PDB file of N, CA and C in Angstrom:
ATOM      1  N   UNK A   1     -42.792  -0.914 -29.452  1.00  0.00           N
ATOM      2  CA  UNK A   1     -41.847  -2.139 -29.578  1.00  0.00           C
ATOM      3  C   UNK A   1     -40.343  -1.641 -29.776  1.00  0.00           C
ATOM      4  N   UNK A   2     -40.413  -0.802 -30.786  1.00  0.00           N
ATOM      5  CA  UNK A   2     -38.947  -0.300 -31.191  1.00  0.00           C
ATOM      6  C   UNK A   2     -38.481   0.460 -30.125  1.00  0.00           C
ATOM      7  N   UNK A   3     -39.316   1.513 -29.543  1.00  0.00           N
ATOM      8  CA  UNK A   3     -38.906   2.307 -28.394  1.00  0.00           C
ATOM      9  C   UNK A   3     -38.533   1.511 -27.161  1.00  0.00           C
ATOM     10  N   UNK A   4     -39.195   0.421 -26.779  1.00  0.00           N
ATOM     11  CA  UNK A   4     -38.818  -0.335 -25.833  1.00  0.00           C
ATOM     12  C   UNK A   4     -37.501  -0.978 -25.893  1.00  0.00           C
ATOM     13  N   UNK A   5     -37.250  -1.523 -27.086  1.00  0.00           N
ATOM     14  CA  UNK A   5     -35.853  -2.119 -27.368  1.00  0.00           C
ATOM     15  C   UNK A   5     -34.782  -1.068 -27.213  1.00  0.00           C
ATOM     16  N   UNK A   6     -34.913   0.135 -27.720  1.00  0.00           N
ATOM     17  CA  UNK A   6     -34.030   1.237 -27.539  1.00  0.00           C
ATOM     18  C   UNK A   6     -33.751   1.701 -26.194  1.00  0.00           C
ATOM     19  N   UNK A   7     -34.994   1.639 -25.322  1.00  0.00           N
ATOM     20  CA  UNK A   7     -34.761   1.858 -23.938  1.00  0.00           C
ATOM     21  C   UNK A   7     -34.064   0.936 -23.232  1.00  0.00           C
ATOM     22  N   UNK A   8     -34.250  -0.212 -23.510  1.00  0.00           N
ATOM     23  CA  UNK A   8     -33.619  -1.335 -22.964  1.00  0.00           C
ATOM     24  C   UNK A   8     -32.222  -1.277 -23.253  1.00  0.00           C
ATOM     25  N   UNK A   9     -31.892  -1.311 -24.516  1.00  0.00           N
ATOM     26  CA  UNK A   9     -30.323  -1.246 -25.028  1.00  0.00           C
ATOM     27  C   UNK A   9     -29.751   0.091 -24.249  1.00  0.00           C
ATOM     28  N   UNK A  10     -30.481   1.277 -24.169  1.00  0.00           N
ATOM     29  CA  UNK A  10     -29.845   2.475 -23.701  1.00  0.00           C
ATOM     30  C   UNK A  10     -29.513   2.068 -22.092  1.00  0.00           C
ATOM     31  N   UNK A  11     -30.694   1.631 -21.399  1.00  0.00           N
ATOM     32  CA  UNK A  11     -30.319   1.278 -20.072  1.00  0.00           C
ATOM     33  C   UNK A  11     -29.132   0.270 -20.010  1.00  0.00           C
ATOM     34  N   UNK A  12     -29.246  -0.626 -20.627  1.00  0.00           N
ATOM     35  CA  UNK A  12     -28.015  -1.620 -20.551  1.00  0.00           C
ATOM     36  C   UNK A  12     -26.650  -0.928 -20.729  1.00  0.00           C
ATOM     37  N   UNK A  13     -26.684   0.120 -21.679  1.00  0.00           N
ATOM     38  CA  UNK A  13     -25.389   0.546 -21.956  1.00  0.00           C
ATOM     39  C   UNK A  13     -24.933   1.613 -20.757  1.00  0.00           C
ATOM     40  N   UNK A  14     -25.953   2.205 -20.183  1.00  0.00           N
ATOM     41  CA  UNK A  14     -25.905   2.894 -18.858  1.00  0.00           C
ATOM     42  C   UNK A  14     -25.340   2.143 -17.679  1.00  0.00           C
ATOM     43  N   UNK A  15     -25.937   1.001 -17.586  1.00  0.00           N
ATOM     44  CA  UNK A  15     -25.635   0.202 -16.364  1.00  0.00           C
ATOM     45  C   UNK A  15     -24.168  -0.360 -16.817  1.00  0.00           C
ATOM     46  N   UNK A  16     -23.837  -0.689 -17.939  1.00  0.00           N
ATOM     47  CA  UNK A  16     -22.509  -1.028 -18.229  1.00  0.00           C
ATOM     48  C   UNK A  16     -21.364   0.116 -17.905  1.00  0.00           C
ATOM     49  N   UNK A  17     -21.703   1.286 -18.201  1.00  0.00           N
ATOM     50  CA  UNK A  17     -20.895   2.313 -18.007  1.00  0.00           C
ATOM     51  C   UNK A  17     -20.720   2.597 -16.535  1.00  0.00           C
ATOM     52  N   UNK A  18     -21.817   2.457 -15.632  1.00  0.00           N
ATOM     53  CA  UNK A  18     -21.834   2.599 -14.366  1.00  0.00           C
ATOM     54  C   UNK A  18     -21.061   1.533 -13.676  1.00  0.00           C
ATOM     55  N   UNK A  19     -21.212   0.296 -14.070  1.00  0.00           N
ATOM     56  CA  UNK A  19     -20.361  -0.769 -13.505  1.00  0.00           C
ATOM     57  C   UNK A  19     -18.913  -0.526 -13.764  1.00  0.00           C
ATOM     58  N   UNK A  20     -18.388  -0.204 -14.847  1.00  0.00           N
ATOM     59  CA  UNK A  20     -17.217   0.207 -15.286  1.00  0.00           C
ATOM     60  C   UNK A  20     -16.631   1.265 -14.413  1.00  0.00           C
ATOM     61  N   UNK A  21     -17.356   2.215 -14.231  1.00  0.00           N
ATOM     62  CA  UNK A  21     -16.934   3.442 -13.479  1.00  0.00           C
ATOM     63  C   UNK A  21     -16.704   2.975 -12.056  1.00  0.00           C
ATOM     64  N   UNK A  22     -17.636   2.106 -11.420  1.00  0.00           N
ATOM     65  CA  UNK A  22     -17.501   1.703 -10.048  1.00  0.00           C
ATOM     66  C   UNK A  22     -16.282   0.849  -9.946  1.00  0.00           C
ATOM     67  N   UNK A  23     -15.903  -0.050 -10.982  1.00  0.00           N
ATOM     68  CA  UNK A  23     -14.488  -0.820 -10.804  1.00  0.00           C
ATOM     69  C   UNK A  23     -13.467   0.027 -11.097  1.00  0.00           C
ATOM     70  N   UNK A  24     -13.515   1.071 -11.796  1.00  0.00           N
ATOM     71  CA  UNK A  24     -12.411   1.984 -11.726  1.00  0.00           C
ATOM     72  C   UNK A  24     -12.137   2.652 -10.614  1.00  0.00           C
ATOM     73  N   UNK A  25     -13.112   3.020  -9.878  1.00  0.00           N
ATOM     74  CA  UNK A  25     -12.969   3.724  -8.561  1.00  0.00           C
ATOM     75  C   UNK A  25     -12.559   2.688  -7.509  1.00  0.00           C
ATOM     76  N   UNK A  26     -13.117   1.516  -7.490  1.00  0.00           N
ATOM     77  CA  UNK A  26     -12.533   0.476  -6.655  1.00  0.00           C
ATOM     78  C   UNK A  26     -10.963   0.221  -6.765  1.00  0.00           C
ATOM     79  N   UNK A  27     -10.638   0.236  -8.226  1.00  0.00           N
ATOM     80  CA  UNK A  27      -9.148   0.052  -8.514  1.00  0.00           C
ATOM     81  C   UNK A  27      -8.344   1.131  -7.960  1.00  0.00           C
ATOM     82  N   UNK A  28      -8.818   2.487  -8.305  1.00  0.00           N
ATOM     83  CA  UNK A  28      -8.297   3.643  -7.750  1.00  0.00           C
ATOM     84  C   UNK A  28      -8.148   3.614  -6.266  1.00  0.00           C
ATOM     85  N   UNK A  29      -9.138   3.273  -5.612  1.00  0.00           N
ATOM     86  CA  UNK A  29      -9.143   3.352  -4.112  1.00  0.00           C
ATOM     87  C   UNK A  29      -8.243   2.234  -3.547  1.00  0.00           C
ATOM     88  N   UNK A  30      -7.972   0.963  -4.200  1.00  0.00           N
ATOM     89  CA  UNK A  30      -7.109   0.021  -3.709  1.00  0.00           C
ATOM     90  C   UNK A  30      -5.641   0.585  -4.041  1.00  0.00           C
ATOM     91  N   UNK A  31      -5.426   1.334  -5.090  1.00  0.00           N
ATOM     92  CA  UNK A  31      -4.064   1.705  -5.372  1.00  0.00           C
ATOM     93  C   UNK A  31      -3.723   2.892  -4.428  1.00  0.00           C
ATOM     94  N   UNK A  32      -4.675   3.723  -4.062  1.00  0.00           N
ATOM     95  CA  UNK A  32      -4.454   4.784  -2.976  1.00  0.00           C
ATOM     96  C   UNK A  32      -4.253   4.143  -1.692  1.00  0.00           C
ATOM     97  N   UNK A  33      -4.833   3.066  -1.394  1.00  0.00           N
ATOM     98  CA  UNK A  33      -4.725   2.328  -0.089  1.00  0.00           C
ATOM     99  C   UNK A  33      -3.319   1.664  -0.055  1.00  0.00           C
ATOM    100  N   UNK A  34      -2.871   1.007  -1.129  1.00  0.00           N
ATOM    101  CA  UNK A  34      -1.559   0.470  -1.237  1.00  0.00           C
ATOM    102  C   UNK A  34      -0.552   1.415  -1.064  1.00  0.00           C
ATOM    103  N   UNK A  35      -0.650   2.493  -1.777  1.00  0.00           N
ATOM    104  CA  UNK A  35       0.448   3.754  -1.574  1.00  0.00           C
ATOM    105  C   UNK A  35       0.364   4.161  -0.134  1.00  0.00           C
ATOM    106  N   UNK A  36      -0.675   4.327   0.398  1.00  0.00           N
ATOM    107  CA  UNK A  36      -0.775   4.823   1.756  1.00  0.00           C
ATOM    108  C   UNK A  36      -0.136   3.621   2.695  1.00  0.00           C
ATOM    109  N   UNK A  37      -0.268   2.545   2.526  1.00  0.00           N
ATOM    110  CA  UNK A  37       0.288   1.331   3.288  1.00  0.00           C
ATOM    111  C   UNK A  37       1.678   1.350   3.194  1.00  0.00           C
ATOM    112  N   UNK A  38       2.311   1.471   1.923  1.00  0.00           N
ATOM    113  CA  UNK A  38       3.633   1.564   1.677  1.00  0.00           C
ATOM    114  C   UNK A  38       4.166   2.802   2.251  1.00  0.00           C
ATOM    115  N   UNK A  39       3.709   4.050   2.079  1.00  0.00           N
ATOM    116  CA  UNK A  39       4.212   5.145   2.747  1.00  0.00           C
ATOM    117  C   UNK A  39       4.188   5.114   4.345  1.00  0.00           C
ATOM    118  N   UNK A  40       3.287   4.516   4.865  1.00  0.00           N
ATOM    119  CA  UNK A  40       3.251   4.211   6.230  1.00  0.00           C
ATOM    120  C   UNK A  40       4.317   3.212   6.735  1.00  0.00           C
ATOM    121  N   UNK A  41       4.434   2.239   6.053  1.00  0.00           N
ATOM    122  CA  UNK A  41       5.532   1.261   6.286  1.00  0.00           C
ATOM    123  C   UNK A  41       6.946   1.951   6.172  1.00  0.00           C
ATOM    124  N   UNK A  42       7.238   2.687   5.137  1.00  0.00           N
ATOM    125  CA  UNK A  42       8.448   3.298   4.856  1.00  0.00           C
ATOM    126  C   UNK A  42       8.674   4.288   5.977  1.00  0.00           C
ATOM    127  N   UNK A  43       7.794   5.145   6.189  1.00  0.00           N
ATOM    128  CA  UNK A  43       7.869   6.214   7.212  1.00  0.00           C
ATOM    129  C   UNK A  43       8.140   5.646   8.691  1.00  0.00           C
ATOM    130  N   UNK A  44       7.451   4.570   8.886  1.00  0.00           N
ATOM    131  CA  UNK A  44       7.710   3.859  10.313  1.00  0.00           C
ATOM    132  C   UNK A  44       9.244   3.396  10.212  1.00  0.00           C
ATOM    133  N   UNK A  45       9.554   2.872   9.113  1.00  0.00           N
ATOM    134  CA  UNK A  45      10.968   2.253   9.155  1.00  0.00           C
ATOM    135  C   UNK A  45      12.091   3.391   9.226  1.00  0.00           C
ATOM    136  N   UNK A  46      11.790   4.295   8.496  1.00  0.00           N
ATOM    137  CA  UNK A  46      12.862   5.462   8.478  1.00  0.00           C
ATOM    138  C   UNK A  46      12.824   6.208   9.745  1.00  0.00           C
ATOM    139  N   UNK A  47      11.701   6.316  10.361  1.00  0.00           N
ATOM    140  CA  UNK A  47      11.701   6.980  11.693  1.00  0.00           C
ATOM    141  C   UNK A  47      12.254   6.290  12.838  1.00  0.00           C
ATOM    142  N   UNK A  48      12.591   5.065  12.591  1.00  0.00           N
ATOM    143  CA  UNK A  48      13.182   4.301  13.529  1.00  0.00           C
ATOM    144  C   UNK A  48      14.666   3.951  13.158  1.00  0.00           C
ATOM    145  N   UNK A  49      15.331   4.655  12.471  1.00  0.00           N
ATOM    146  CA  UNK A  49      16.535   4.343  11.981  1.00  0.00           C
ATOM    147  C   UNK A  49      17.607   4.695  13.063  1.00  0.00           C
ATOM    148  N   UNK A  50      18.236   3.591  13.545  1.00  0.00           N
ATOM    149  CA  UNK A  50      19.080   3.619  14.827  1.00  0.00           C
ATOM    150  C   UNK A  50      20.508   4.272  14.360  1.00  0.00           C
ATOM    151  N   UNK A  51      20.891   4.233  12.970  1.00  0.00           N
ATOM    152  CA  UNK A  51      22.012   4.966  12.766  1.00  0.00           C
ATOM    153  C   UNK A  51      22.027   6.186  12.060  1.00  0.00           C
ATOM    154  N   UNK A  52      21.050   6.957  12.284  1.00  0.00           N
ATOM    155  CA  UNK A  52      20.824   8.413  11.753  1.00  0.00           C
ATOM    156  C   UNK A  52      20.520   9.248  12.991  1.00  0.00           C
ATOM    157  N   UNK A  53      21.146  10.362  12.830  1.00  0.00           N
ATOM    158  CA  UNK A  53      20.865  11.396  13.961  1.00  0.00           C
ATOM    159  C   UNK A  53      19.689  12.190  13.592  1.00  0.00           C
ATOM    160  N   UNK A  54      19.192  13.106  14.433  1.00  0.00           N
ATOM    161  CA  UNK A  54      17.991  14.131  14.062  1.00  0.00           C
ATOM    162  C   UNK A  54      18.148  14.837  12.675  1.00  0.00           C
ATOM    163  N   UNK A  55      19.265  15.035  12.315  1.00  0.00           N
ATOM    164  CA  UNK A  55      19.636  15.656  11.096  1.00  0.00           C
ATOM    165  C   UNK A  55      19.880  14.844   9.885  1.00  0.00           C
ATOM    166  N   UNK A  56      19.578  13.609  10.214  1.00  0.00           N
ATOM    167  CA  UNK A  56      19.746  12.549   9.114  1.00  0.00           C
ATOM    168  C   UNK A  56      21.172  12.259   8.724  1.00  0.00           C
ATOM    169  N   UNK A  57      22.063  12.590   9.584  1.00  0.00           N
ATOM    170  CA  UNK A  57      23.560  12.163   9.555  1.00  0.00           C
ATOM    171  C   UNK A  57      23.776  10.825  10.003  1.00  0.00           C
ATOM    172  N   UNK A  58      24.700  10.184   9.367  1.00  0.00           N
ATOM    173  CA  UNK A  58      25.007   8.755   9.951  1.00  0.00           C
ATOM    174  C   UNK A  58      25.489   8.947  11.285  1.00  0.00           C
ATOM    175  N   UNK A  59      25.078   7.926  12.227  1.00  0.00           N
ATOM    176  CA  UNK A  59      25.694   8.067  13.669  1.00  0.00           C
ATOM    177  C   UNK A  59      25.059   6.785  14.245  1.00  0.00           C
ATOM    178  N   UNK A  60      26.012   5.938  14.846  1.00  0.00           N
ATOM    179  CA  UNK A  60      25.718   4.761  15.509  1.00  0.00           C
ATOM    180  C   UNK A  60      26.523   4.845  16.733  1.00  0.00           C
ATOM    181  N   UNK A  61      26.193   5.773  17.667  1.00  0.00           N
ATOM    182  CA  UNK A  61      26.900   5.877  18.787  1.00  0.00           C
ATOM    183  C   UNK A  61      28.428   5.967  18.716  1.00  0.00           C
ATOM    184  N   UNK A  62      28.930   4.888  19.355  1.00  0.00           N
ATOM    185  CA  UNK A  62      30.370   4.937  19.410  1.00  0.00           C
ATOM    186  C   UNK A  62      30.991   4.018  18.235  1.00  0.00           C
ATOM    187  N   UNK A  63      30.049   3.455  17.418  1.00  0.00           N
ATOM    188  CA  UNK A  63      30.527   2.562  16.564  1.00  0.00           C
ATOM    189  C   UNK A  63      31.381   3.309  15.173  1.00  0.00           C
ATOM    190  N   UNK A  64      32.528   2.931  14.800  1.00  0.00           N
ATOM    191  CA  UNK A  64      33.109   3.437  13.744  1.00  0.00           C
ATOM    192  C   UNK A  64      32.428   3.221  12.389  1.00  0.00           C
ATOM    193  N   UNK A  65      32.480   4.219  11.478  1.00  0.00           N
ATOM    194  CA  UNK A  65      31.848   4.063  10.197  1.00  0.00           C
ATOM    195  C   UNK A  65      32.006   2.875   9.459  1.00  0.00           C
ATOM    196  N   UNK A  66      33.340   2.343   9.540  1.00  0.00           N
ATOM    197  CA  UNK A  66      33.717   1.084   8.697  1.00  0.00           C
ATOM    198  C   UNK A  66      33.601   0.003   9.490  1.00  0.00           C
ATOM    199  N   UNK A  67      33.149  -0.037  10.841  1.00  0.00           N
ATOM    200  CA  UNK A  67      33.379  -1.289  11.636  1.00  0.00           C
ATOM    201  C   UNK A  67      32.380  -2.305  11.215  1.00  0.00           C
ATOM    202  N   UNK A  68      32.648  -3.467  11.471  1.00  0.00           N
ATOM    203  CA  UNK A  68      31.810  -4.666  11.109  1.00  0.00           C
ATOM    204  C   UNK A  68      30.603  -4.684  12.023  1.00  0.00           C
ATOM    205  N   UNK A  69      30.760  -4.291  13.288  1.00  0.00           N
ATOM    206  CA  UNK A  69      29.618  -4.162  14.141  1.00  0.00           C
ATOM    207  C   UNK A  69      28.505  -3.270  13.689  1.00  0.00           C
ATOM    208  N   UNK A  70      28.946  -1.991  13.158  1.00  0.00           N
ATOM    209  CA  UNK A  70      28.081  -1.109  12.433  1.00  0.00           C
ATOM    210  C   UNK A  70      27.427  -1.621  11.411  1.00  0.00           C
ATOM    211  N   UNK A  71      28.159  -2.368  10.481  1.00  0.00           N
ATOM    212  CA  UNK A  71      27.665  -2.964   9.295  1.00  0.00           C
ATOM    213  C   UNK A  71      26.448  -4.043   9.795  1.00  0.00           C
ATOM    214  N   UNK A  72      26.797  -4.778  10.797  1.00  0.00           N
ATOM    215  CA  UNK A  72      25.801  -5.588  11.398  1.00  0.00           C
ATOM    216  C   UNK A  72      24.552  -5.094  11.900  1.00  0.00           C
ATOM    217  N   UNK A  73      24.755  -4.006  12.581  1.00  0.00           N
ATOM    218  CA  UNK A  73      23.504  -3.256  13.021  1.00  0.00           C
ATOM    219  C   UNK A  73      22.701  -2.691  11.875  1.00  0.00           C
ATOM    220  N   UNK A  74      23.378  -2.014  10.843  1.00  0.00           N
ATOM    221  CA  UNK A  74      22.640  -1.512   9.872  1.00  0.00           C
ATOM    222  C   UNK A  74      21.863  -2.588   9.020  1.00  0.00           C
ATOM    223  N   UNK A  75      22.682  -3.670   8.758  1.00  0.00           N
ATOM    224  CA  UNK A  75      22.009  -4.852   8.068  1.00  0.00           C
ATOM    225  C   UNK A  75      20.983  -5.437   8.738  1.00  0.00           C
ATOM    226  N   UNK A  76      20.979  -5.640  10.135  1.00  0.00           N
ATOM    227  CA  UNK A  76      19.858  -6.143  10.855  1.00  0.00           C
ATOM    228  C   UNK A  76      18.640  -5.037  10.850  1.00  0.00           C
ATOM    229  N   UNK A  77      18.944  -3.957  10.951  1.00  0.00           N
ATOM    230  CA  UNK A  77      17.950  -2.755  10.987  1.00  0.00           C
ATOM    231  C   UNK A  77      17.111  -2.958   9.587  1.00  0.00           C
ATOM    232  N   UNK A  78      17.787  -2.863   8.424  1.00  0.00           N
ATOM    233  CA  UNK A  78      17.458  -3.023   7.084  1.00  0.00           C
ATOM    234  C   UNK A  78      16.498  -4.244   6.893  1.00  0.00           C
ATOM    235  N   UNK A  79      16.920  -5.469   7.515  1.00  0.00           N
ATOM    236  CA  UNK A  79      16.112  -6.569   7.316  1.00  0.00           C
ATOM    237  C   UNK A  79      14.752  -6.518   8.217  1.00  0.00           C
ATOM    238  N   UNK A  80      15.067  -5.779   9.285  1.00  0.00           N
ATOM    239  CA  UNK A  80      13.681  -5.616  10.177  1.00  0.00           C
ATOM    240  C   UNK A  80      12.835  -4.661   9.440  1.00  0.00           C
ATOM    241  N   UNK A  81      13.364  -3.533   8.873  1.00  0.00           N
ATOM    242  CA  UNK A  81      12.583  -2.461   8.198  1.00  0.00           C
ATOM    243  C   UNK A  81      11.849  -3.038   7.025  1.00  0.00           C
ATOM    244  N   UNK A  82      12.541  -4.007   6.227  1.00  0.00           N
ATOM    245  CA  UNK A  82      11.907  -4.616   5.233  1.00  0.00           C
ATOM    246  C   UNK A  82      10.863  -5.492   5.492  1.00  0.00           C
ATOM    247  N   UNK A  83      11.158  -6.082   6.615  1.00  0.00           N
ATOM    248  CA  UNK A  83       9.991  -7.188   7.210  1.00  0.00           C
ATOM    249  C   UNK A  83       8.768  -6.296   7.592  1.00  0.00           C
ATOM    250  N   UNK A  84       8.913  -5.265   8.197  1.00  0.00           N
ATOM    251  CA  UNK A  84       7.905  -4.377   8.669  1.00  0.00           C
ATOM    252  C   UNK A  84       7.164  -3.921   7.478  1.00  0.00           C
ATOM    253  N   UNK A  85       7.737  -3.407   6.438  1.00  0.00           N
ATOM    254  CA  UNK A  85       7.226  -2.941   5.228  1.00  0.00           C
ATOM    255  C   UNK A  85       6.304  -4.121   4.548  1.00  0.00           C
ATOM    256  N   UNK A  86       6.931  -5.256   4.427  1.00  0.00           N
ATOM    257  CA  UNK A  86       6.284  -6.366   3.773  1.00  0.00           C
ATOM    258  C   UNK A  86       4.946  -6.844   4.651  1.00  0.00           C
ATOM    259  N   UNK A  87       5.008  -6.816   5.721  1.00  0.00           N
ATOM    260  CA  UNK A  87       4.000  -7.063   6.864  1.00  0.00           C
ATOM    261  C   UNK A  87       2.760  -6.024   6.644  1.00  0.00           C
ATOM    262  N   UNK A  88       3.167  -4.880   6.638  1.00  0.00           N
ATOM    263  CA  UNK A  88       2.313  -3.780   6.359  1.00  0.00           C
ATOM    264  C   UNK A  88       1.601  -3.947   4.944  1.00  0.00           C
ATOM    265  N   UNK A  89       2.282  -4.240   4.130  1.00  0.00           N
ATOM    266  CA  UNK A  89       1.808  -4.437   2.665  1.00  0.00           C
ATOM    267  C   UNK A  89       0.647  -5.600   2.550  1.00  0.00           C
ATOM    268  N   UNK A  90       1.131  -6.580   3.162  1.00  0.00           N
ATOM    269  CA  UNK A  90       0.319  -7.974   3.301  1.00  0.00           C
ATOM    270  C   UNK A  90      -0.892  -7.572   4.041  1.00  0.00           C
ATOM    271  N   UNK A  91      -0.817  -6.896   5.193  1.00  0.00           N
ATOM    272  CA  UNK A  91      -2.144  -6.479   5.810  1.00  0.00           C
ATOM    273  C   UNK A  91      -2.975  -5.771   5.015  1.00  0.00           C
ATOM    274  N   UNK A  92      -2.292  -4.717   4.261  1.00  0.00           N
ATOM    275  CA  UNK A  92      -3.311  -4.044   3.425  1.00  0.00           C
ATOM    276  C   UNK A  92      -3.959  -4.873   2.307  1.00  0.00           C
ATOM    277  N   UNK A  93      -3.209  -5.689   1.707  1.00  0.00           N
ATOM    278  CA  UNK A  93      -3.718  -6.611   0.734  1.00  0.00           C
ATOM    279  C   UNK A  93      -4.776  -7.336   1.231  1.00  0.00           C
ATOM    280  N   UNK A  94      -4.635  -8.004   2.417  1.00  0.00           N
ATOM    281  CA  UNK A  94      -5.733  -8.734   3.135  1.00  0.00           C
ATOM    282  C   UNK A  94      -6.782  -7.938   3.431  1.00  0.00           C
ATOM    283  N   UNK A  95      -6.703  -6.585   3.696  1.00  0.00           N
ATOM    284  CA  UNK A  95      -7.913  -5.749   4.034  1.00  0.00           C
ATOM    285  C   UNK A  95      -8.578  -5.419   2.623  1.00  0.00           C
ATOM    286  N   UNK A  96      -7.692  -5.142   1.689  1.00  0.00           N
ATOM    287  CA  UNK A  96      -8.502  -4.963   0.455  1.00  0.00           C
ATOM    288  C   UNK A  96      -9.371  -6.098  -0.271  1.00  0.00           C
ATOM    289  N   UNK A  97      -8.742  -7.260   0.088  1.00  0.00           N
ATOM    290  CA  UNK A  97      -9.344  -8.504  -0.553  1.00  0.00           C
ATOM    291  C   UNK A  97     -10.593  -8.786   0.310  1.00  0.00           C
ATOM    292  N   UNK A  98     -10.628  -8.429   1.547  1.00  0.00           N
ATOM    293  CA  UNK A  98     -11.809  -8.721   2.418  1.00  0.00           C
ATOM    294  C   UNK A  98     -12.858  -7.630   2.006  1.00  0.00           C
ATOM    295  N   UNK A  99     -12.409  -6.375   1.672  1.00  0.00           N
ATOM    296  CA  UNK A  99     -13.434  -5.223   1.487  1.00  0.00           C
ATOM    297  C   UNK A  99     -13.987  -5.710   0.028  1.00  0.00           C
ATOM    298  N   UNK A 100     -13.179  -6.169  -0.884  1.00  0.00           N
ATOM    299  CA  UNK A 100     -13.802  -6.497  -2.218  1.00  0.00           C
ATOM    300  C   UNK A 100     -14.749  -7.688  -1.989  1.00  0.00           C
ATOM    301  N   UNK A 101     -14.379  -8.754  -1.312  1.00  0.00           N
ATOM    302  CA  UNK A 101     -15.341  -9.812  -0.832  1.00  0.00           C
ATOM    303  C   UNK A 101     -16.637  -9.270  -0.352  1.00  0.00           C
ATOM    304  N   UNK A 102     -16.597  -8.387   0.621  1.00  0.00           N
ATOM    305  CA  UNK A 102     -17.717  -7.883   1.300  1.00  0.00           C
ATOM    306  C   UNK A 102     -18.561  -6.972   0.246  1.00  0.00           C
ATOM    307  N   UNK A 103     -17.917  -6.299  -0.639  1.00  0.00           N
ATOM    308  CA  UNK A 103     -18.731  -5.578  -1.564  1.00  0.00           C
ATOM    309  C   UNK A 103     -19.403  -6.365  -2.581  1.00  0.00           C
ATOM    310  N   UNK A 104     -18.729  -7.609  -2.898  1.00  0.00           N
ATOM    311  CA  UNK A 104     -19.321  -8.510  -3.861  1.00  0.00           C
ATOM    312  C   UNK A 104     -20.398  -9.202  -3.209  1.00  0.00           C
ATOM    313  N   UNK A 105     -20.502  -9.456  -2.078  1.00  0.00           N
ATOM    314  CA  UNK A 105     -21.634 -10.102  -1.348  1.00  0.00           C
ATOM    315  C   UNK A 105     -22.681  -9.209  -1.150  1.00  0.00           C
ATOM    316  N   UNK A 106     -22.541  -7.907  -1.118  1.00  0.00           N
ATOM    317  CA  UNK A 106     -23.553  -7.011  -0.849  1.00  0.00           C
ATOM    318  C   UNK A 106     -24.409  -6.588  -2.145  1.00  0.00           C
TER     319      UNK A 106
END
C-alpha cells in the first residue's frame, strides 16, 4: 500500500514535469514562430523600399531629398510597410491560436 502511494505520487510528479516541459516547448515554438513572422514581415517591407537603391543609399528617382513629394512617398511607404507587418503578425497569431486549439482538442 505504501509502495503504491509512492508510485502514484512519483508518477504524478513525472506527469506534471512532462506537462510543464510540453507547455514550455509550445511557448518556445510560439515565440520562434512570432520572431519568424516579424522577420519575414520586416524583410518583405525593407526589400520593397522604393527610396533606397541597391546599395541602401537614399534614392527616389528624380525627387529632391527635401521635397514634399519625397516625404509623402516615404511616409506612404512606411504606412504600407507597417500595415504589412501588422497583417503578418496577425496571421501568425491566428495560426498559433488555431494550432493551440487543435492541440487542446487532440
